[in-house]
N, C-alpha and C. Protein backbone atom coordinates (compact mmCIF):
# COMPACT_ATOMS: atom_id res chain seq x y z
N MET A 1 121.88 160.16 108.19
CA MET A 1 121.89 159.08 107.22
C MET A 1 120.69 159.26 106.29
N ASP A 2 120.94 159.53 105.03
CA ASP A 2 119.90 159.83 104.05
C ASP A 2 119.45 158.61 103.26
N TRP A 3 120.26 157.54 103.25
CA TRP A 3 119.98 156.37 102.42
C TRP A 3 118.97 155.45 103.09
N GLN A 4 118.01 154.95 102.31
CA GLN A 4 117.04 153.96 102.80
C GLN A 4 117.10 152.75 101.88
N PRO A 5 117.22 151.54 102.43
CA PRO A 5 117.32 150.36 101.58
C PRO A 5 116.02 150.06 100.82
N ILE A 6 114.90 150.35 101.43
CA ILE A 6 113.60 150.12 100.80
C ILE A 6 112.77 151.38 100.96
N ARG A 7 112.18 151.80 99.86
CA ARG A 7 111.27 152.95 99.90
C ARG A 7 109.89 152.48 99.47
N TYR A 8 108.93 152.62 100.34
CA TYR A 8 107.55 152.27 100.03
C TYR A 8 106.83 153.55 99.63
N LEU A 9 106.41 153.61 98.39
CA LEU A 9 105.78 154.81 97.84
C LEU A 9 104.33 154.48 97.54
N ASN A 10 103.43 154.99 98.34
CA ASN A 10 102.00 154.68 98.20
C ASN A 10 101.26 155.93 97.75
N ARG A 11 101.41 156.25 96.47
CA ARG A 11 100.70 157.38 95.90
C ARG A 11 100.69 157.23 94.38
N THR A 12 100.00 158.10 93.72
CA THR A 12 99.91 158.07 92.27
C THR A 12 101.09 158.80 91.64
N PHE A 13 101.62 158.23 90.57
CA PHE A 13 102.71 158.84 89.82
C PHE A 13 102.31 158.96 88.35
N ARG A 14 102.83 159.98 87.69
CA ARG A 14 102.67 160.06 86.23
C ARG A 14 103.44 158.90 85.61
N ARG A 15 103.04 158.50 84.42
CA ARG A 15 103.67 157.36 83.75
C ARG A 15 105.18 157.56 83.58
N ASP A 16 105.62 158.76 83.20
CA ASP A 16 107.05 159.00 83.02
C ASP A 16 107.80 158.92 84.34
N GLN A 17 107.17 159.39 85.43
CA GLN A 17 107.81 159.29 86.75
C GLN A 17 107.94 157.83 87.16
N LEU A 18 106.89 157.07 86.95
CA LEU A 18 106.89 155.66 87.33
C LEU A 18 107.96 154.89 86.56
N ALA A 19 108.09 155.17 85.26
CA ALA A 19 109.12 154.51 84.46
C ALA A 19 110.51 154.83 85.02
N GLY A 20 110.72 156.07 85.45
CA GLY A 20 112.00 156.45 86.04
C GLY A 20 112.27 155.74 87.36
N ILE A 21 111.24 155.59 88.16
CA ILE A 21 111.38 154.88 89.44
C ILE A 21 111.72 153.42 89.17
N TYR A 22 111.00 152.79 88.24
CA TYR A 22 111.30 151.40 87.89
C TYR A 22 112.75 151.25 87.41
N ARG A 23 113.18 152.17 86.56
CA ARG A 23 114.52 152.08 85.98
C ARG A 23 115.60 152.27 87.05
N ALA A 24 115.34 153.11 88.02
CA ALA A 24 116.33 153.38 89.08
C ALA A 24 116.42 152.25 90.10
N ALA A 25 115.37 151.43 90.20
CA ALA A 25 115.32 150.39 91.23
C ALA A 25 116.23 149.22 90.87
N LYS A 26 117.10 148.86 91.79
CA LYS A 26 117.99 147.71 91.59
C LYS A 26 117.23 146.39 91.69
N ALA A 27 116.08 146.43 92.37
CA ALA A 27 115.21 145.25 92.46
C ALA A 27 113.77 145.74 92.44
N GLY A 28 112.93 145.02 91.73
CA GLY A 28 111.50 145.31 91.69
C GLY A 28 110.77 144.23 92.44
N LEU A 29 110.15 144.59 93.54
CA LEU A 29 109.47 143.65 94.41
C LEU A 29 107.98 143.70 94.10
N VAL A 30 107.47 142.67 93.41
CA VAL A 30 106.06 142.60 93.01
C VAL A 30 105.50 141.34 93.67
N THR A 31 104.82 141.53 94.81
CA THR A 31 104.48 140.38 95.65
C THR A 31 103.00 140.29 96.03
N PRO A 32 102.11 140.22 95.04
CA PRO A 32 100.70 140.05 95.38
C PRO A 32 100.47 138.68 96.03
N LEU A 33 99.46 138.63 96.90
CA LEU A 33 99.12 137.36 97.54
C LEU A 33 98.27 136.49 96.61
N ARG A 34 97.57 137.15 95.71
CA ARG A 34 96.77 136.46 94.69
C ARG A 34 96.54 137.47 93.58
N ASP A 35 96.68 137.02 92.34
CA ASP A 35 96.67 138.01 91.27
C ASP A 35 96.38 137.35 89.93
N GLY A 36 95.88 138.15 89.01
CA GLY A 36 95.73 137.72 87.63
C GLY A 36 97.04 137.97 86.91
N MET A 37 96.98 138.56 85.73
CA MET A 37 98.19 138.86 84.97
C MET A 37 98.73 140.20 85.45
N ASN A 38 99.79 140.17 86.21
CA ASN A 38 100.32 141.37 86.83
C ASN A 38 101.14 142.18 85.84
N LEU A 39 100.63 143.31 85.42
CA LEU A 39 101.33 144.15 84.45
C LEU A 39 102.45 144.96 85.08
N VAL A 40 102.40 145.19 86.38
CA VAL A 40 103.47 145.94 87.05
C VAL A 40 104.81 145.21 86.86
N ALA A 41 104.80 143.89 86.96
CA ALA A 41 106.03 143.11 86.77
C ALA A 41 106.58 143.34 85.36
N LYS A 42 105.70 143.35 84.37
CA LYS A 42 106.14 143.54 82.98
C LYS A 42 106.59 144.97 82.74
N GLU A 43 105.92 145.93 83.37
CA GLU A 43 106.34 147.33 83.24
C GLU A 43 107.73 147.52 83.84
N TYR A 44 107.97 146.89 84.98
CA TYR A 44 109.29 146.99 85.62
C TYR A 44 110.37 146.48 84.68
N VAL A 45 110.14 145.32 84.09
CA VAL A 45 111.12 144.73 83.16
C VAL A 45 111.35 145.64 81.97
N ALA A 46 110.27 146.15 81.38
CA ALA A 46 110.37 146.98 80.18
C ALA A 46 111.12 148.29 80.44
N ALA A 47 111.09 148.78 81.66
CA ALA A 47 111.73 150.06 81.99
C ALA A 47 113.22 149.95 82.27
N GLN A 48 113.76 148.75 82.34
CA GLN A 48 115.15 148.57 82.76
C GLN A 48 116.17 149.04 81.72
N ASP A 49 117.34 149.42 82.22
CA ASP A 49 118.49 149.77 81.39
C ASP A 49 119.11 148.46 80.90
N PRO A 50 119.14 148.21 79.59
CA PRO A 50 119.68 146.95 79.08
C PRO A 50 121.13 146.68 79.50
N GLU A 51 121.89 147.73 79.77
CA GLU A 51 123.30 147.58 80.16
C GLU A 51 123.47 147.30 81.65
N ASP A 52 122.46 147.63 82.45
CA ASP A 52 122.56 147.47 83.90
C ASP A 52 121.17 147.29 84.50
N PRO A 53 120.49 146.19 84.14
CA PRO A 53 119.11 146.02 84.59
C PRO A 53 118.99 145.63 86.05
N GLY A 54 117.84 145.99 86.62
CA GLY A 54 117.50 145.53 87.95
C GLY A 54 116.96 144.11 87.87
N VAL A 55 116.65 143.54 89.03
CA VAL A 55 116.17 142.16 89.11
C VAL A 55 114.72 142.17 89.58
N LEU A 56 113.89 141.42 88.88
CA LEU A 56 112.48 141.29 89.26
C LEU A 56 112.32 140.19 90.30
N ILE A 57 111.72 140.54 91.43
CA ILE A 57 111.33 139.58 92.46
C ILE A 57 109.82 139.51 92.40
N LEU A 58 109.29 138.32 92.11
CA LEU A 58 107.87 138.18 91.79
C LEU A 58 107.23 137.08 92.62
N SER A 59 106.04 137.38 93.13
CA SER A 59 105.27 136.38 93.87
C SER A 59 104.93 135.21 92.97
N ARG A 60 105.10 134.01 93.49
CA ARG A 60 104.71 132.82 92.73
C ARG A 60 103.20 132.75 92.56
N PHE A 61 102.45 133.60 93.28
CA PHE A 61 100.99 133.63 93.17
C PHE A 61 100.50 134.64 92.14
N ALA A 62 101.40 135.37 91.52
CA ALA A 62 101.03 136.31 90.46
C ALA A 62 100.81 135.52 89.18
N GLY A 63 99.80 135.92 88.41
CA GLY A 63 99.56 135.25 87.14
C GLY A 63 100.76 135.32 86.22
N ALA A 64 101.51 136.40 86.29
CA ALA A 64 102.68 136.58 85.44
C ALA A 64 103.80 135.60 85.78
N ALA A 65 103.77 134.96 86.94
CA ALA A 65 104.83 134.04 87.35
C ALA A 65 104.96 132.87 86.39
N GLU A 66 103.84 132.44 85.79
CA GLU A 66 103.89 131.34 84.82
C GLU A 66 104.77 131.69 83.64
N GLN A 67 104.71 132.92 83.20
CA GLN A 67 105.46 133.37 82.03
C GLN A 67 106.86 133.86 82.38
N MET A 68 107.05 134.33 83.60
CA MET A 68 108.27 135.05 83.94
C MET A 68 109.16 134.25 84.89
N GLY A 69 109.50 133.05 84.45
CA GLY A 69 110.29 132.14 85.28
C GLY A 69 111.70 132.62 85.57
N GLU A 70 112.21 133.58 84.81
CA GLU A 70 113.56 134.11 85.07
C GLU A 70 113.57 135.12 86.21
N ALA A 71 112.39 135.52 86.67
CA ALA A 71 112.32 136.37 87.86
C ALA A 71 112.72 135.52 89.06
N LEU A 72 113.03 136.17 90.16
CA LEU A 72 113.23 135.43 91.41
C LEU A 72 111.84 135.23 91.99
N LEU A 73 111.32 134.01 91.91
CA LEU A 73 109.97 133.71 92.37
C LEU A 73 109.98 133.41 93.86
N VAL A 74 109.04 134.04 94.58
CA VAL A 74 109.01 133.90 96.03
C VAL A 74 107.59 133.65 96.52
N ASN A 75 107.52 133.09 97.71
CA ASN A 75 106.26 132.99 98.44
C ASN A 75 106.17 134.26 99.29
N PRO A 76 105.21 135.14 98.99
CA PRO A 76 105.15 136.42 99.72
C PRO A 76 104.79 136.27 101.19
N PHE A 77 104.35 135.09 101.60
CA PHE A 77 104.06 134.85 103.02
C PHE A 77 105.33 134.51 103.80
N SER A 78 106.42 134.24 103.10
CA SER A 78 107.66 133.83 103.75
C SER A 78 108.65 135.00 103.83
N ARG A 79 108.85 135.51 105.03
CA ARG A 79 109.82 136.59 105.21
C ARG A 79 111.22 136.14 104.83
N GLU A 80 111.52 134.88 105.14
CA GLU A 80 112.85 134.35 104.83
C GLU A 80 113.09 134.32 103.32
N GLU A 81 112.11 133.82 102.55
CA GLU A 81 112.27 133.79 101.09
C GLU A 81 112.41 135.20 100.53
N LEU A 82 111.61 136.12 101.04
CA LEU A 82 111.68 137.51 100.56
C LEU A 82 113.05 138.12 100.85
N SER A 83 113.53 137.95 102.07
CA SER A 83 114.82 138.55 102.42
C SER A 83 115.96 137.91 101.63
N GLU A 84 115.89 136.59 101.41
CA GLU A 84 116.92 135.92 100.62
C GLU A 84 116.89 136.39 99.16
N ALA A 85 115.69 136.58 98.62
CA ALA A 85 115.57 137.05 97.23
C ALA A 85 116.10 138.48 97.08
N ILE A 86 115.80 139.33 98.05
CA ILE A 86 116.32 140.70 98.00
C ILE A 86 117.85 140.68 98.05
N GLN A 87 118.40 139.90 98.95
CA GLN A 87 119.86 139.77 99.05
C GLN A 87 120.45 139.27 97.74
N LYS A 88 119.83 138.24 97.17
CA LYS A 88 120.32 137.67 95.90
C LYS A 88 120.25 138.71 94.78
N ALA A 89 119.13 139.44 94.72
CA ALA A 89 118.96 140.45 93.66
C ALA A 89 120.02 141.54 93.77
N LEU A 90 120.28 141.99 94.97
CA LEU A 90 121.21 143.11 95.16
C LEU A 90 122.67 142.71 95.00
N THR A 91 122.96 141.42 95.05
CA THR A 91 124.34 140.95 94.89
C THR A 91 124.56 140.17 93.59
N MET A 92 123.54 140.07 92.77
CA MET A 92 123.63 139.30 91.53
C MET A 92 124.62 139.95 90.57
N PRO A 93 125.50 139.16 89.98
CA PRO A 93 126.46 139.71 89.01
C PRO A 93 125.73 140.32 87.80
N ARG A 94 126.34 141.34 87.25
CA ARG A 94 125.75 142.07 86.12
C ARG A 94 125.41 141.14 84.95
N GLU A 95 126.30 140.22 84.61
CA GLU A 95 126.06 139.32 83.48
C GLU A 95 124.81 138.48 83.70
N GLU A 96 124.60 138.00 84.92
CA GLU A 96 123.41 137.21 85.22
C GLU A 96 122.15 138.08 85.17
N ARG A 97 122.26 139.32 85.66
CA ARG A 97 121.11 140.23 85.59
C ARG A 97 120.73 140.51 84.14
N ILE A 98 121.73 140.70 83.30
CA ILE A 98 121.46 140.96 81.87
C ILE A 98 120.81 139.73 81.23
N ARG A 99 121.33 138.55 81.52
CA ARG A 99 120.77 137.32 80.95
C ARG A 99 119.31 137.15 81.36
N LYS A 100 119.02 137.34 82.63
CA LYS A 100 117.64 137.21 83.12
C LYS A 100 116.75 138.28 82.49
N TRP A 101 117.26 139.50 82.42
CA TRP A 101 116.47 140.59 81.84
C TRP A 101 116.14 140.30 80.38
N LYS A 102 117.10 139.82 79.61
CA LYS A 102 116.84 139.51 78.19
C LYS A 102 115.74 138.47 78.05
N ALA A 103 115.78 137.44 78.88
CA ALA A 103 114.74 136.39 78.82
C ALA A 103 113.38 136.96 79.20
N LEU A 104 113.35 137.80 80.24
CA LEU A 104 112.09 138.41 80.66
C LEU A 104 111.58 139.39 79.62
N MET A 105 112.47 140.13 79.00
CA MET A 105 112.07 141.09 77.97
C MET A 105 111.48 140.38 76.76
N LYS A 106 111.99 139.20 76.44
CA LYS A 106 111.42 138.40 75.35
C LYS A 106 109.97 138.03 75.67
N VAL A 107 109.71 137.67 76.91
CA VAL A 107 108.34 137.37 77.33
C VAL A 107 107.46 138.60 77.17
N VAL A 108 107.95 139.74 77.61
CA VAL A 108 107.17 140.98 77.51
C VAL A 108 106.85 141.28 76.04
N ARG A 109 107.82 141.14 75.17
CA ARG A 109 107.61 141.43 73.75
C ARG A 109 106.69 140.41 73.08
N ASP A 110 106.85 139.14 73.45
CA ASP A 110 106.11 138.06 72.77
C ASP A 110 104.68 137.90 73.25
N THR A 111 104.37 138.40 74.44
CA THR A 111 103.02 138.21 74.98
C THR A 111 102.31 139.55 75.07
N ASP A 112 102.07 140.12 73.90
CA ASP A 112 101.39 141.40 73.83
C ASP A 112 99.87 141.21 73.84
N VAL A 113 99.13 142.29 73.72
CA VAL A 113 97.68 142.24 73.81
C VAL A 113 97.08 141.40 72.67
N ALA A 114 97.68 141.41 71.49
CA ALA A 114 97.16 140.61 70.38
C ALA A 114 97.28 139.12 70.70
N ARG A 115 98.38 138.72 71.29
CA ARG A 115 98.56 137.31 71.68
C ARG A 115 97.56 136.94 72.76
N TRP A 116 97.39 137.81 73.74
CA TRP A 116 96.42 137.54 74.80
C TRP A 116 95.02 137.39 74.20
N ARG A 117 94.64 138.30 73.31
CA ARG A 117 93.33 138.24 72.67
C ARG A 117 93.14 136.92 71.93
N ASP A 118 94.12 136.53 71.13
CA ASP A 118 94.01 135.29 70.36
C ASP A 118 93.89 134.08 71.27
N ASP A 119 94.68 134.02 72.32
CA ASP A 119 94.59 132.91 73.27
C ASP A 119 93.24 132.88 73.96
N TYR A 120 92.72 134.04 74.31
CA TYR A 120 91.43 134.14 74.99
C TYR A 120 90.30 133.68 74.08
N VAL A 121 90.31 134.13 72.84
CA VAL A 121 89.27 133.73 71.88
C VAL A 121 89.34 132.22 71.64
N GLN A 122 90.52 131.66 71.51
CA GLN A 122 90.66 130.21 71.33
C GLN A 122 90.10 129.46 72.53
N ALA A 123 90.37 129.95 73.73
CA ALA A 123 89.85 129.30 74.94
C ALA A 123 88.33 129.37 74.98
N LEU A 124 87.76 130.50 74.58
CA LEU A 124 86.30 130.63 74.53
C LEU A 124 85.69 129.67 73.52
N MET A 125 86.32 129.56 72.36
CA MET A 125 85.81 128.65 71.33
C MET A 125 85.89 127.20 71.80
N ALA A 126 86.98 126.83 72.45
CA ALA A 126 87.12 125.47 72.98
C ALA A 126 86.07 125.19 74.04
N ALA A 127 85.82 126.16 74.91
CA ALA A 127 84.80 125.99 75.95
C ALA A 127 83.42 125.84 75.33
N SER A 128 83.16 126.60 74.28
CA SER A 128 81.88 126.52 73.58
C SER A 128 81.70 125.15 72.95
N GLN A 129 82.74 124.62 72.33
CA GLN A 129 82.66 123.28 71.73
C GLN A 129 82.48 122.22 72.79
N ASP A 130 83.17 122.35 73.92
CA ASP A 130 83.01 121.41 75.02
C ASP A 130 81.57 121.42 75.52
N ALA A 131 80.98 122.61 75.63
CA ALA A 131 79.60 122.73 76.10
C ALA A 131 78.65 122.06 75.12
N ARG A 132 78.86 122.23 73.81
CA ARG A 132 78.01 121.59 72.81
C ARG A 132 78.13 120.08 72.89
N PHE A 133 79.34 119.57 73.07
CA PHE A 133 79.56 118.14 73.18
C PHE A 133 78.83 117.57 74.39
N ILE A 134 78.92 118.27 75.51
CA ILE A 134 78.25 117.81 76.74
C ILE A 134 76.74 117.81 76.55
N ASN A 135 76.19 118.85 75.94
CA ASN A 135 74.74 118.94 75.72
C ASN A 135 74.24 117.87 74.76
N HIS A 136 75.00 117.52 73.72
CA HIS A 136 74.58 116.53 72.73
C HIS A 136 74.75 115.11 73.23
N SER A 137 75.66 114.89 74.13
CA SER A 137 75.90 113.52 74.60
C SER A 137 75.02 113.15 75.78
N SER A 138 74.20 114.09 76.27
CA SER A 138 73.33 113.80 77.42
C SER A 138 72.07 113.11 76.99
């Protein structure tokens, strides 16, 4: 028996190899226990075949979960949630996979580095103004 339902690959890959692995995967399991903005989730989405995309399974503790609500969000501490999400991803109808992928791809396209930079600078400016207000009102 040569087929394995899950392959855990713990090594470095060239970017083109990694894109091929992402594209071949029927489900992308990105399950950090705590994380900032997880780019692996976005890379997985970007690598998909628009005609037959895989399904992103994403930890609700990943920073990207806020933006990527069309992913199957899971608690990575729950084996039951993980197994149910994998089952759902592997049996999801093609039309639903395409719909979810399109929504996720819009997030990937709309939240590029320029948007992140602008949001970050605005947050810094707001924090600076808050600090000035606190110092002047004391």
